[in-house]
Amino acid sequence: MSEPFGSLFTTGQFAALCGTTKDTLFHYDRIGLLKPRSVGSNGYRRYTSAQLFDFDLIRVLQQAGSTLEEIKWYRQHYDSAHFLLLLEEKQAGIRTRLEQLARMEQMLAHVAATTRRALAETYDVPRAEPQQAEQLLVVGLKKGEGEHTDGVAARVSEHLALCEKYRLTDRFPLGSVILKEDVLAGSSLESYFFSRVPPDFSGGPLLEKPAGLYATIVHKGPLEAFNEPYHALLAYVGRQGYAVCGNAYVFDLITYLASGSEQEYVVQISIQIEKRGCPRSARG
C-alpha cells in the first residue's frame, strides 16, 4: 500500500484509517493521549500508519471499560505485567456487568409479562379464584405513613434498596398488604410494601401470602380511585356468601414503568376469603 505524504497521513486520512473522527483525534491530542507524529509550521498534524496500533489499543481499553485518564496513565507506564493486571481487572468488571445485564433482562421480561397480562384483563369484574402460596419481601409502614406522599416515597425507596441488596430480578410489580383487621373494618390502610421472592429465598424480612381462595378484582384508573374497586370487591364478598379470612394484597400491574398517565394504571386487589360456616378443617 502506498502511503501519502511520505508515509504520513493527514488528520482526516488517519481518522478514516482508524474508523473514527477528526474531532476524536483532536481531543486525544489535547489531552496528550495520542499526539500526531509531527505538526507542521502551518499547524497541520501528521500521523504514521504505525500509530494505528496505538489508536487500536486505546479503543480496546475503552471498550473494556477504561477511562481515557486510565489509558493515558497506562501508556505512560507500559509494561506487560501491568497490562495483564489491567486486563484481569477489566475482565472482572465485564463479568459483573454481564451479571447486572442478565438480572436486568429478567426484570424486563417479568415486567413485560405482567404488562401483557394486565392489558388482556377484564377490568372491574370481581371473581373468586384459588391462588398459590407466595413469599413476600416486605417493608413495614409506620402508622399514618400510607396517607402521605412523603411517607409512601420513603418506604418505597427503602423497599427498592432492599430489593437491590438482595439482587431481586422480579422486584416489580410492587405490591402492598392491607391486614385482615383493617379489611374487616372496611379500611384500605396499607401496612406493608412487598415484592415477590422465590420459595428458596432466605433474606428477610418475609411475609407469607398463604394459598387459598381469594376474591379478586382488576381495576384500571388513577391510584386515587383505589377505594372504589376495593369496596366493590368487599361488597362482592358479602353478596356471594363469603367471609374475609385473611389479608388483602394489592399488586401494581401497570404503573409508571409502562404508562405515562395515571388513567392507565392497573392494579389487582385480592382478599383471602372462605365460605361462611365452613368448618376450620375445610378452609383454604
C-alpha atoms as a PDB file:
ATOM      1  CA  MET A   1       0.000   0.000   0.000  1.00  0.00           C
ATOM      2  CA  SER A   2       1.412   3.356  -0.960  1.00  0.00           C
ATOM      3  CA  GLU A   3       1.022   5.925   1.825  1.00  0.00           C
ATOM      4  CA  PRO A   4       0.545   9.631   1.017  1.00  0.00           C
ATOM      5  CA  PHE A   5       2.778  12.404   2.236  1.00  0.00           C
ATOM      6  CA  GLY A   6       5.855  10.176   2.578  1.00  0.00           C
ATOM      7  CA  SER A   7       4.182   7.586   4.851  1.00  0.00           C
ATOM      8  CA  LEU A   8       2.386  10.322   6.781  1.00  0.00           C
ATOM      9  CA  PHE A   9      -1.368  10.826   6.998  1.00  0.00           C
ATOM     10  CA  THR A  10      -3.337  13.992   7.476  1.00  0.00           C
ATOM     11  CA  THR A  11      -5.754  14.074  10.381  1.00  0.00           C
ATOM     12  CA  GLY A  12      -8.688  13.317   8.067  1.00  0.00           C
ATOM     13  CA  GLN A  13      -6.885  10.437   6.375  1.00  0.00           C
ATOM     14  CA  PHE A  14      -5.777   8.936   9.670  1.00  0.00           C
ATOM     15  CA  ALA A  15      -9.286   9.300  11.103  1.00  0.00           C
ATOM     16  CA  ALA A  16     -10.656   7.365   8.104  1.00  0.00           C
ATOM     17  CA  LEU A  17      -7.975   4.698   8.570  1.00  0.00           C
ATOM     18  CA  CYS A  18      -8.941   4.276  12.236  1.00  0.00           C
ATOM     19  CA  GLY A  19     -12.709   4.463  11.662  1.00  0.00           C
ATOM     20  CA  THR A  20     -13.043   7.495  13.914  1.00  0.00           C
ATOM     21  CA  THR A  21     -13.491  11.251  13.550  1.00  0.00           C
ATOM     22  CA  LYS A  22     -11.110  14.184  13.328  1.00  0.00           C
ATOM     23  CA  ASP A  23     -12.681  15.641  16.481  1.00  0.00           C
ATOM     24  CA  THR A  24     -11.730  12.490  18.411  1.00  0.00           C
ATOM     25  CA  LEU A  25      -8.121  12.781  17.245  1.00  0.00           C
ATOM     26  CA  PHE A  26      -8.047  16.479  18.125  1.00  0.00           C
ATOM     27  CA  HIS A  27      -9.325  15.612  21.630  1.00  0.00           C
ATOM     28  CA  TYR A  28      -6.737  12.850  22.096  1.00  0.00           C
ATOM     29  CA  ASP A  29      -4.045  15.320  21.043  1.00  0.00           C
ATOM     30  CA  ARG A  30      -5.250  17.989  23.504  1.00  0.00           C
ATOM     31  CA  ILE A  31      -5.180  15.611  26.485  1.00  0.00           C
ATOM     32  CA  GLY A  32      -1.866  14.057  25.479  1.00  0.00           C
ATOM     33  CA  LEU A  33      -3.294  10.588  24.853  1.00  0.00           C
ATOM     34  CA  LEU A  34      -2.353  10.234  21.173  1.00  0.00           C
ATOM     35  CA  LYS A  35      -0.327  13.033  19.670  1.00  0.00           C
ATOM     36  CA  PRO A  36       0.472  13.282  15.952  1.00  0.00           C
ATOM     37  CA  ARG A  37       3.947  12.229  14.872  1.00  0.00           C
ATOM     38  CA  SER A  38       4.612  15.738  13.606  1.00  0.00           C
ATOM     39  CA  VAL A  39       2.997  19.167  13.383  1.00  0.00           C
ATOM     40  CA  GLY A  40       3.969  21.484  10.547  1.00  0.00           C
ATOM     41  CA  SER A  41       4.605  25.197  10.803  1.00  0.00           C
ATOM     42  CA  ASN A  42       1.141  25.668   9.360  1.00  0.00           C
ATOM     43  CA  GLY A  43      -0.352  23.658  12.283  1.00  0.00           C
ATOM     44  CA  TYR A  44      -1.244  20.642  10.160  1.00  0.00           C
ATOM     45  CA  ARG A  45      -0.925  17.356  12.037  1.00  0.00           C
ATOM     46  CA  ARG A  46       0.600  14.241  10.507  1.00  0.00           C
ATOM     47  CA  TYR A  47       0.198  10.651  11.707  1.00  0.00           C
ATOM     48  CA  THR A  48       2.031   7.460  10.712  1.00  0.00           C
ATOM     49  CA  SER A  49       0.422   4.132   9.857  1.00  0.00           C
ATOM     50  CA  ALA A  50       2.159   2.598  12.901  1.00  0.00           C
ATOM     51  CA  GLN A  51       0.031   4.842  15.124  1.00  0.00           C
ATOM     52  CA  LEU A  52      -2.989   2.847  14.017  1.00  0.00           C
ATOM     53  CA  PHE A  53      -1.920   0.251  16.614  1.00  0.00           C
ATOM     54  CA  ASP A  54      -1.730   2.934  19.306  1.00  0.00           C
ATOM     55  CA  PHE A  55      -5.263   4.011  18.415  1.00  0.00           C
ATOM     56  CA  ASP A  56      -6.478   0.407  18.432  1.00  0.00           C
ATOM     57  CA  LEU A  57      -5.036  -0.127  21.929  1.00  0.00           C
ATOM     58  CA  ILE A  58      -6.950   2.928  23.146  1.00  0.00           C
ATOM     59  CA  ARG A  59     -10.155   1.661  21.519  1.00  0.00           C
ATOM     60  CA  VAL A  60      -9.820  -1.834  23.042  1.00  0.00           C
ATOM     61  CA  LEU A  61      -9.184  -0.475  26.536  1.00  0.00           C
ATOM     62  CA  GLN A  62     -12.102   1.960  26.194  1.00  0.00           C
ATOM     63  CA  GLN A  63     -14.419  -0.845  25.154  1.00  0.00           C
ATOM     64  CA  ALA A  64     -13.206  -2.849  28.143  1.00  0.00           C
ATOM     65  CA  GLY A  65     -14.325  -0.013  30.417  1.00  0.00           C
ATOM     66  CA  SER A  66     -11.163   2.044  30.959  1.00  0.00           C
ATOM     67  CA  THR A  67     -11.387   5.803  31.174  1.00  0.00           C
ATOM     68  CA  LEU A  68      -9.182   7.975  28.978  1.00  0.00           C
ATOM     69  CA  GLU A  69      -7.203   9.023  32.055  1.00  0.00           C
ATOM     70  CA  GLU A  70      -6.576   5.367  32.940  1.00  0.00           C
ATOM     71  CA  ILE A  71      -5.467   4.641  29.381  1.00  0.00           C
ATOM     72  CA  LYS A  72      -3.156   7.655  29.343  1.00  0.00           C
ATOM     73  CA  TRP A  73      -1.525   6.544  32.611  1.00  0.00           C
ATOM     74  CA  TYR A  74      -1.137   3.001  31.319  1.00  0.00           C
ATOM     75  CA  ARG A  75       0.514   4.151  28.074  1.00  0.00           C
ATOM     76  CA  GLN A  76       2.947   6.255  30.084  1.00  0.00           C
ATOM     77  CA  HIS A  77       3.834   3.298  32.349  1.00  0.00           C
ATOM     78  CA  TYR A  78       3.620   0.495  29.834  1.00  0.00           C
ATOM     79  CA  ASP A  79       4.813  -2.996  30.729  1.00  0.00           C
ATOM     80  CA  SER A  80       3.381  -6.453  30.040  1.00  0.00           C
ATOM     81  CA  ALA A  81       2.806  -7.357  33.695  1.00  0.00           C
ATOM     82  CA  HIS A  82       0.777  -4.205  34.241  1.00  0.00           C
ATOM     83  CA  PHE A  83      -1.123  -4.848  31.027  1.00  0.00           C
ATOM     84  CA  LEU A  84      -2.046  -8.343  32.284  1.00  0.00           C
ATOM     85  CA  LEU A  85      -3.256  -6.912  35.584  1.00  0.00           C
ATOM     86  CA  LEU A  86      -5.289  -4.308  33.740  1.00  0.00           C
ATOM     87  CA  LEU A  87      -6.908  -6.955  31.532  1.00  0.00           C
ATOM     88  CA  GLU A  88      -7.787  -9.114  34.542  1.00  0.00           C
ATOM     89  CA  GLU A  89      -9.394  -6.131  36.286  1.00  0.00           C
ATOM     90  CA  LYS A  90     -11.427  -5.338  33.193  1.00  0.00           C
ATOM     91  CA  GLN A  91     -12.466  -8.993  32.830  1.00  0.00           C
ATOM     92  CA  ALA A  92     -13.809  -8.922  36.393  1.00  0.00           C
ATOM     93  CA  GLY A  93     -15.669  -5.692  35.633  1.00  0.00           C
ATOM     94  CA  ILE A  94     -17.190  -7.169  32.485  1.00  0.00           C
ATOM     95  CA  ARG A  95     -18.351 -10.273  34.380  1.00  0.00           C
ATOM     96  CA  THR A  96     -20.046  -8.033  36.946  1.00  0.00           C
ATOM     97  CA  ARG A  97     -21.680  -6.021  34.176  1.00  0.00           C
ATOM     98  CA  LEU A  98     -22.882  -9.204  32.463  1.00  0.00           C
ATOM     99  CA  GLU A  99     -24.495 -10.329  35.723  1.00  0.00           C
ATOM    100  CA  GLN A 100     -26.202  -6.948  36.013  1.00  0.00           C
ATOM    101  CA  LEU A 101     -27.426  -7.151  32.421  1.00  0.00           C
ATOM    102  CA  ALA A 102     -28.743 -10.690  32.966  1.00  0.00           C
ATOM    103  CA  ARG A 103     -30.704  -9.510  36.013  1.00  0.00           C
ATOM    104  CA  MET A 104     -31.999  -6.514  34.085  1.00  0.00           C
ATOM    105  CA  GLU A 105     -33.094  -8.781  31.220  1.00  0.00           C
ATOM    106  CA  GLN A 106     -35.023 -10.992  33.666  1.00  0.00           C
ATOM    107  CA  MET A 107     -36.655  -7.969  35.281  1.00  0.00           C
ATOM    108  CA  LEU A 108     -37.718  -6.525  31.927  1.00  0.00           C
ATOM    109  CA  ALA A 109     -39.084  -9.907  30.831  1.00  0.00           C
ATOM    110  CA  HIS A 110     -41.091 -10.102  34.056  1.00  0.00           C
ATOM    111  CA  VAL A 111     -42.450  -6.565  33.659  1.00  0.00           C
ATOM    112  CA  ALA A 112     -43.328  -7.294  30.018  1.00  0.00           C
ATOM    113  CA  ALA A 113     -45.229 -10.457  31.003  1.00  0.00           C
ATOM    114  CA  THR A 114     -47.103  -8.590  33.756  1.00  0.00           C
ATOM    115  CA  THR A 115     -47.982  -5.738  31.395  1.00  0.00           C
ATOM    116  CA  ARG A 116     -49.153  -8.170  28.717  1.00  0.00           C
ATOM    117  CA  ARG A 117     -51.392  -9.900  31.252  1.00  0.00           C
ATOM    118  CA  ALA A 118     -52.783  -6.581  32.538  1.00  0.00           C
ATOM    119  CA  LEU A 119     -53.701  -5.427  29.039  1.00  0.00           C
ATOM    120  CA  ALA A 120     -55.638  -8.660  28.468  1.00  0.00           C
ATOM    121  CA  GLU A 121     -57.588  -8.439  31.763  1.00  0.00           C
ATOM    122  CA  THR A 122     -61.281  -7.658  32.147  1.00  0.00           C
ATOM    123  CA  TYR A 123     -61.485  -4.667  34.466  1.00  0.00           C
ATOM    124  CA  ASP A 124     -63.764  -4.116  37.465  1.00  0.00           C
ATOM    125  CA  VAL A 125     -65.392  -7.561  37.375  1.00  0.00           C
ATOM    126  CA  PRO A 126     -64.898  -9.332  40.739  1.00  0.00           C
ATOM    127  CA  ARG A 127     -64.265 -13.067  40.854  1.00  0.00           C
ATOM    128  CA  ALA A 128     -63.297 -15.790  43.319  1.00  0.00           C
ATOM    129  CA  GLU A 129     -60.221 -17.831  42.417  1.00  0.00           C
ATOM    130  CA  PRO A 130     -57.686 -20.126  44.067  1.00  0.00           C
ATOM    131  CA  GLN A 131     -54.188 -18.689  44.425  1.00  0.00           C
ATOM    132  CA  GLN A 132     -50.902 -20.319  45.330  1.00  0.00           C
ATOM    133  CA  ALA A 133     -48.778 -19.502  48.353  1.00  0.00           C
ATOM    134  CA  GLU A 134     -46.099 -16.855  47.832  1.00  0.00           C
ATOM    135  CA  GLN A 135     -43.172 -15.496  49.799  1.00  0.00           C
ATOM    136  CA  LEU A 136     -43.074 -11.708  50.020  1.00  0.00           C
ATOM    137  CA  LEU A 137     -40.150  -9.472  50.908  1.00  0.00           C
ATOM    138  CA  VAL A 138     -41.710  -6.660  52.918  1.00  0.00           C
ATOM    139  CA  VAL A 139     -41.044  -3.217  54.332  1.00  0.00           C
ATOM    140  CA  GLY A 140     -43.440  -2.049  57.027  1.00  0.00           C
ATOM    141  CA  LEU A 141     -45.196   1.320  57.002  1.00  0.00           C
ATOM    142  CA  LYS A 142     -45.387   3.275  60.200  1.00  0.00           C
ATOM    143  CA  LYS A 143     -48.788   4.418  61.375  1.00  0.00           C
ATOM    144  CA  GLY A 144     -50.172   7.105  59.071  1.00  0.00           C
ATOM    145  CA  GLU A 145     -47.296   6.961  56.555  1.00  0.00           C
ATOM    146  CA  GLY A 146     -49.515   5.490  53.859  1.00  0.00           C
ATOM    147  CA  GLU A 147     -51.710   8.589  53.931  1.00  0.00           C
ATOM    148  CA  HIS A 148     -48.939  10.965  52.831  1.00  0.00           C
ATOM    149  CA  THR A 149     -46.852  11.073  49.649  1.00  0.00           C
ATOM    150  CA  ASP A 150     -43.605  11.687  51.552  1.00  0.00           C
ATOM    151  CA  GLY A 151     -44.150   8.651  53.753  1.00  0.00           C
ATOM    152  CA  VAL A 152     -45.022   6.419  50.808  1.00  0.00           C
ATOM    153  CA  ALA A 153     -41.987   7.630  48.839  1.00  0.00           C
ATOM    154  CA  ALA A 154     -39.660   6.976  51.789  1.00  0.00           C
ATOM    155  CA  ARG A 155     -40.894   3.415  52.275  1.00  0.00           C
ATOM    156  CA  VAL A 156     -40.880   2.637  48.541  1.00  0.00           C
ATOM    157  CA  SER A 157     -37.285   3.904  48.379  1.00  0.00           C
ATOM    158  CA  GLU A 158     -36.374   1.702  51.343  1.00  0.00           C
ATOM    159  CA  HIS A 159     -38.041  -1.276  49.700  1.00  0.00           C
ATOM    160  CA  LEU A 160     -36.288  -0.782  46.357  1.00  0.00           C
ATOM    161  CA  ALA A 161     -32.948  -0.539  48.187  1.00  0.00           C
ATOM    162  CA  LEU A 162     -33.744  -3.826  49.929  1.00  0.00           C
ATOM    163  CA  CYS A 163     -34.525  -5.461  46.580  1.00  0.00           C
ATOM    164  CA  GLU A 164     -31.242  -4.162  45.195  1.00  0.00           C
ATOM    165  CA  LYS A 165     -29.371  -5.509  48.221  1.00  0.00           C
ATOM    166  CA  TYR A 166     -30.726  -8.999  47.567  1.00  0.00           C
ATOM    167  CA  ARG A 167     -30.398  -8.625  43.774  1.00  0.00           C
ATOM    168  CA  LEU A 168     -34.033  -9.422  43.156  1.00  0.00           C
ATOM    169  CA  THR A 169     -34.808  -9.548  39.445  1.00  0.00           C
ATOM    170  CA  ASP A 170     -38.589  -9.751  39.985  1.00  0.00           C
ATOM    171  CA  ARG A 171     -38.951  -6.757  42.284  1.00  0.00           C
ATOM    172  CA  PHE A 172     -41.742  -5.495  40.032  1.00  0.00           C
ATOM    173  CA  PRO A 173     -44.656  -5.443  40.312  1.00  0.00           C
ATOM    174  CA  LEU A 174     -44.574  -3.796  43.692  1.00  0.00           C
ATOM    175  CA  GLY A 175     -47.474  -4.504  45.996  1.00  0.00           C
ATOM    176  CA  SER A 176     -48.943  -3.626  49.356  1.00  0.00           C
ATOM    177  CA  VAL A 177     -50.641  -5.559  52.154  1.00  0.00           C
ATOM    178  CA  ILE A 178     -53.800  -4.492  53.969  1.00  0.00           C
ATOM    179  CA  LEU A 179     -54.055  -6.542  57.166  1.00  0.00           C
ATOM    180  CA  LYS A 180     -57.131  -8.651  57.870  1.00  0.00           C
ATOM    181  CA  GLU A 181     -58.336  -6.472  60.779  1.00  0.00           C
ATOM    182  CA  ASP A 182     -58.281  -3.405  58.548  1.00  0.00           C
ATOM    183  CA  VAL A 183     -60.070  -5.235  55.739  1.00  0.00           C
ATOM    184  CA  LEU A 184     -62.803  -6.299  58.187  1.00  0.00           C
ATOM    185  CA  ALA A 185     -63.114  -2.667  59.296  1.00  0.00           C
ATOM    186  CA  GLY A 186     -63.501  -1.564  55.669  1.00  0.00           C
ATOM    187  CA  SER A 187     -60.192   0.307  55.823  1.00  0.00           C
ATOM    188  CA  SER A 188     -57.684   0.419  52.957  1.00  0.00           C
ATOM    189  CA  LEU A 189     -54.799   1.297  55.274  1.00  0.00           C
ATOM    190  CA  GLU A 190     -51.600  -0.305  53.952  1.00  0.00           C
ATOM    191  CA  SER A 191     -49.255  -1.957  56.450  1.00  0.00           C
ATOM    192  CA  TYR A 192     -46.505  -3.280  54.146  1.00  0.00           C
ATOM    193  CA  PHE A 193     -44.981  -2.807  50.720  1.00  0.00           C
ATOM    194  CA  PHE A 194     -43.751  -6.017  49.130  1.00  0.00           C
ATOM    195  CA  SER A 195     -42.149  -7.800  46.201  1.00  0.00           C
ATOM    196  CA  ARG A 196     -42.494 -11.494  45.449  1.00  0.00           C
ATOM    197  CA  VAL A 197     -39.420 -13.640  46.066  1.00  0.00           C
ATOM    198  CA  PRO A 198     -38.566 -17.253  45.094  1.00  0.00           C
ATOM    199  CA  PRO A 199     -39.565 -20.049  47.512  1.00  0.00           C
ATOM    200  CA  ASP A 200     -35.909 -20.688  48.419  1.00  0.00           C
ATOM    201  CA  PHE A 201     -35.199 -17.018  49.229  1.00  0.00           C
ATOM    202  CA  SER A 202     -33.501 -16.745  52.629  1.00  0.00           C
ATOM    203  CA  GLY A 203     -33.141 -12.992  53.087  1.00  0.00           C
ATOM    204  CA  GLY A 204     -35.610 -11.051  55.144  1.00  0.00           C
ATOM    205  CA  PRO A 205     -37.945  -9.665  56.353  1.00  0.00           C
ATOM    206  CA  LEU A 206     -40.510 -12.028  54.832  1.00  0.00           C
ATOM    207  CA  LEU A 207     -44.278 -12.427  54.957  1.00  0.00           C
ATOM    208  CA  GLU A 208     -46.100 -15.456  53.580  1.00  0.00           C
ATOM    209  CA  LYS A 209     -49.168 -14.990  51.430  1.00  0.00           C
ATOM    210  CA  PRO A 210     -50.988 -18.289  52.065  1.00  0.00           C
ATOM    211  CA  ALA A 211     -52.541 -20.490  49.426  1.00  0.00           C
ATOM    212  CA  GLY A 212     -56.309 -20.441  49.359  1.00  0.00           C
ATOM    213  CA  LEU A 213     -59.394 -18.845  47.859  1.00  0.00           C
ATOM    214  CA  TYR A 214     -59.220 -15.151  47.012  1.00  0.00           C
ATOM    215  CA  ALA A 215     -61.757 -12.588  45.893  1.00  0.00           C
ATOM    216  CA  THR A 216     -60.032 -10.657  43.119  1.00  0.00           C
ATOM    217  CA  ILE A 217     -60.699  -7.566  41.050  1.00  0.00           C
ATOM    218  CA  VAL A 218     -58.519  -5.823  38.466  1.00  0.00           C
ATOM    219  CA  HIS A 219     -59.016  -2.067  38.171  1.00  0.00           C
ATOM    220  CA  LYS A 220     -57.761   0.450  35.620  1.00  0.00           C
ATOM    221  CA  GLY A 221     -57.508   4.081  36.651  1.00  0.00           C
ATOM    222  CA  PRO A 222     -55.694   6.538  38.918  1.00  0.00           C
ATOM    223  CA  LEU A 223     -54.415   5.363  42.289  1.00  0.00           C
ATOM    224  CA  GLU A 224     -56.598   7.974  43.982  1.00  0.00           C
ATOM    225  CA  ALA A 225     -59.651   5.981  42.843  1.00  0.00           C
ATOM    226  CA  PHE A 226     -58.439   2.804  44.588  1.00  0.00           C
ATOM    227  CA  ASN A 227     -61.162   2.798  47.241  1.00  0.00           C
ATOM    228  CA  GLU A 228     -63.945   2.374  44.676  1.00  0.00           C
ATOM    229  CA  PRO A 229     -62.893  -1.086  43.366  1.00  0.00           C
ATOM    230  CA  TYR A 230     -61.718  -2.086  46.861  1.00  0.00           C
ATOM    231  CA  HIS A 231     -65.156  -1.503  48.377  1.00  0.00           C
ATOM    232  CA  ALA A 232     -66.829  -3.047  45.318  1.00  0.00           C
ATOM    233  CA  LEU A 233     -64.792  -6.197  45.987  1.00  0.00           C
ATOM    234  CA  LEU A 234     -65.807  -6.204  49.666  1.00  0.00           C
ATOM    235  CA  ALA A 235     -69.454  -5.885  48.618  1.00  0.00           C
ATOM    236  CA  TYR A 236     -68.983  -8.838  46.230  1.00  0.00           C
ATOM    237  CA  VAL A 237     -67.568 -10.931  49.085  1.00  0.00           C
ATOM    238  CA  GLY A 238     -70.693 -10.292  51.157  1.00  0.00           C
ATOM    239  CA  ARG A 239     -73.143 -10.901  48.288  1.00  0.00           C
ATOM    240  CA  GLN A 240     -71.574 -14.228  47.388  1.00  0.00           C
ATOM    241  CA  GLY A 241     -71.733 -15.566  50.944  1.00  0.00           C
ATOM    242  CA  TYR A 242     -68.019 -15.421  51.592  1.00  0.00           C
ATOM    243  CA  ALA A 243     -66.191 -14.226  54.698  1.00  0.00           C
ATOM    244  CA  VAL A 244     -62.854 -12.448  54.872  1.00  0.00           C
ATOM    245  CA  CYS A 245     -60.321 -14.779  56.492  1.00  0.00           C
ATOM    246  CA  GLY A 246     -57.000 -13.142  55.653  1.00  0.00           C
ATOM    247  CA  ASN A 247     -55.175 -10.115  54.347  1.00  0.00           C
ATOM    248  CA  ALA A 248     -55.729  -8.136  51.172  1.00  0.00           C
ATOM    249  CA  TYR A 249     -52.872  -7.998  48.637  1.00  0.00           C
ATOM    250  CA  VAL A 250     -52.686  -5.167  46.122  1.00  0.00           C
ATOM    251  CA  PHE A 251     -50.469  -5.780  43.067  1.00  0.00           C
ATOM    252  CA  ASP A 252     -49.390  -2.995  40.732  1.00  0.00           C
ATOM    253  CA  LEU A 253     -49.720  -4.479  37.241  1.00  0.00           C
ATOM    254  CA  ILE A 254     -49.212  -1.291  35.203  1.00  0.00           C
ATOM    255  CA  THR A 255     -47.780   1.821  36.860  1.00  0.00           C
ATOM    256  CA  TYR A 256     -45.172   4.451  35.998  1.00  0.00           C
ATOM    257  CA  LEU A 257     -42.950   1.855  34.281  1.00  0.00           C
ATOM    258  CA  ALA A 258     -45.408   1.195  31.477  1.00  0.00           C
ATOM    259  CA  SER A 259     -47.693   4.205  31.446  1.00  0.00           C
ATOM    260  CA  GLY A 260     -47.228   7.949  31.303  1.00  0.00           C
ATOM    261  CA  SER A 261     -50.714   8.585  32.666  1.00  0.00           C
ATOM    262  CA  GLU A 262     -52.307   7.537  35.940  1.00  0.00           C
ATOM    263  CA  GLN A 263     -55.521   6.928  33.993  1.00  0.00           C
ATOM    264  CA  GLU A 264     -53.785   3.876  32.519  1.00  0.00           C
ATOM    265  CA  TYR A 265     -52.577   2.419  35.838  1.00  0.00           C
ATOM    266  CA  VAL A 266     -53.801  -1.123  36.534  1.00  0.00           C
ATOM    267  CA  VAL A 267     -53.944  -2.760  39.967  1.00  0.00           C
ATOM    268  CA  GLN A 268     -55.086  -6.163  41.127  1.00  0.00           C
ATOM    269  CA  ILE A 269     -56.734  -6.475  44.551  1.00  0.00           C
ATOM    270  CA  SER A 270     -57.002  -9.934  46.124  1.00  0.00           C
ATOM    271  CA  ILE A 271     -58.603 -10.661  49.515  1.00  0.00           C
ATOM    272  CA  GLN A 272     -58.341 -14.082  51.145  1.00  0.00           C
ATOM    273  CA  ILE A 273     -61.842 -15.457  51.689  1.00  0.00           C
ATOM    274  CA  GLU A 274     -63.734 -18.584  52.750  1.00  0.00           C
ATOM    275  CA  LYS A 275     -67.326 -19.747  52.589  1.00  0.00           C
ATOM    276  CA  ARG A 276     -69.303 -18.711  55.657  1.00  0.00           C
ATOM    277  CA  GLY A 277     -69.895 -21.571  58.033  1.00  0.00           C
ATOM    278  CA  CYS A 278     -67.099 -23.776  56.618  1.00  0.00           C
ATOM    279  CA  PRO A 279     -65.520 -25.985  59.290  1.00  0.00           C
ATOM    280  CA  ARG A 280     -61.931 -24.978  60.017  1.00  0.00           C
ATOM    281  CA  SER A 281     -60.552 -28.246  58.504  1.00  0.00           C
ATOM    282  CA  ALA A 282     -62.221 -27.443  55.181  1.00  0.00           C
ATOM    283  CA  ARG A 283     -60.904 -23.927  54.920  1.00  0.00           C
ATOM    284  CA  GLY A 284     -58.147 -22.967  52.414  1.00  0.00           C
END
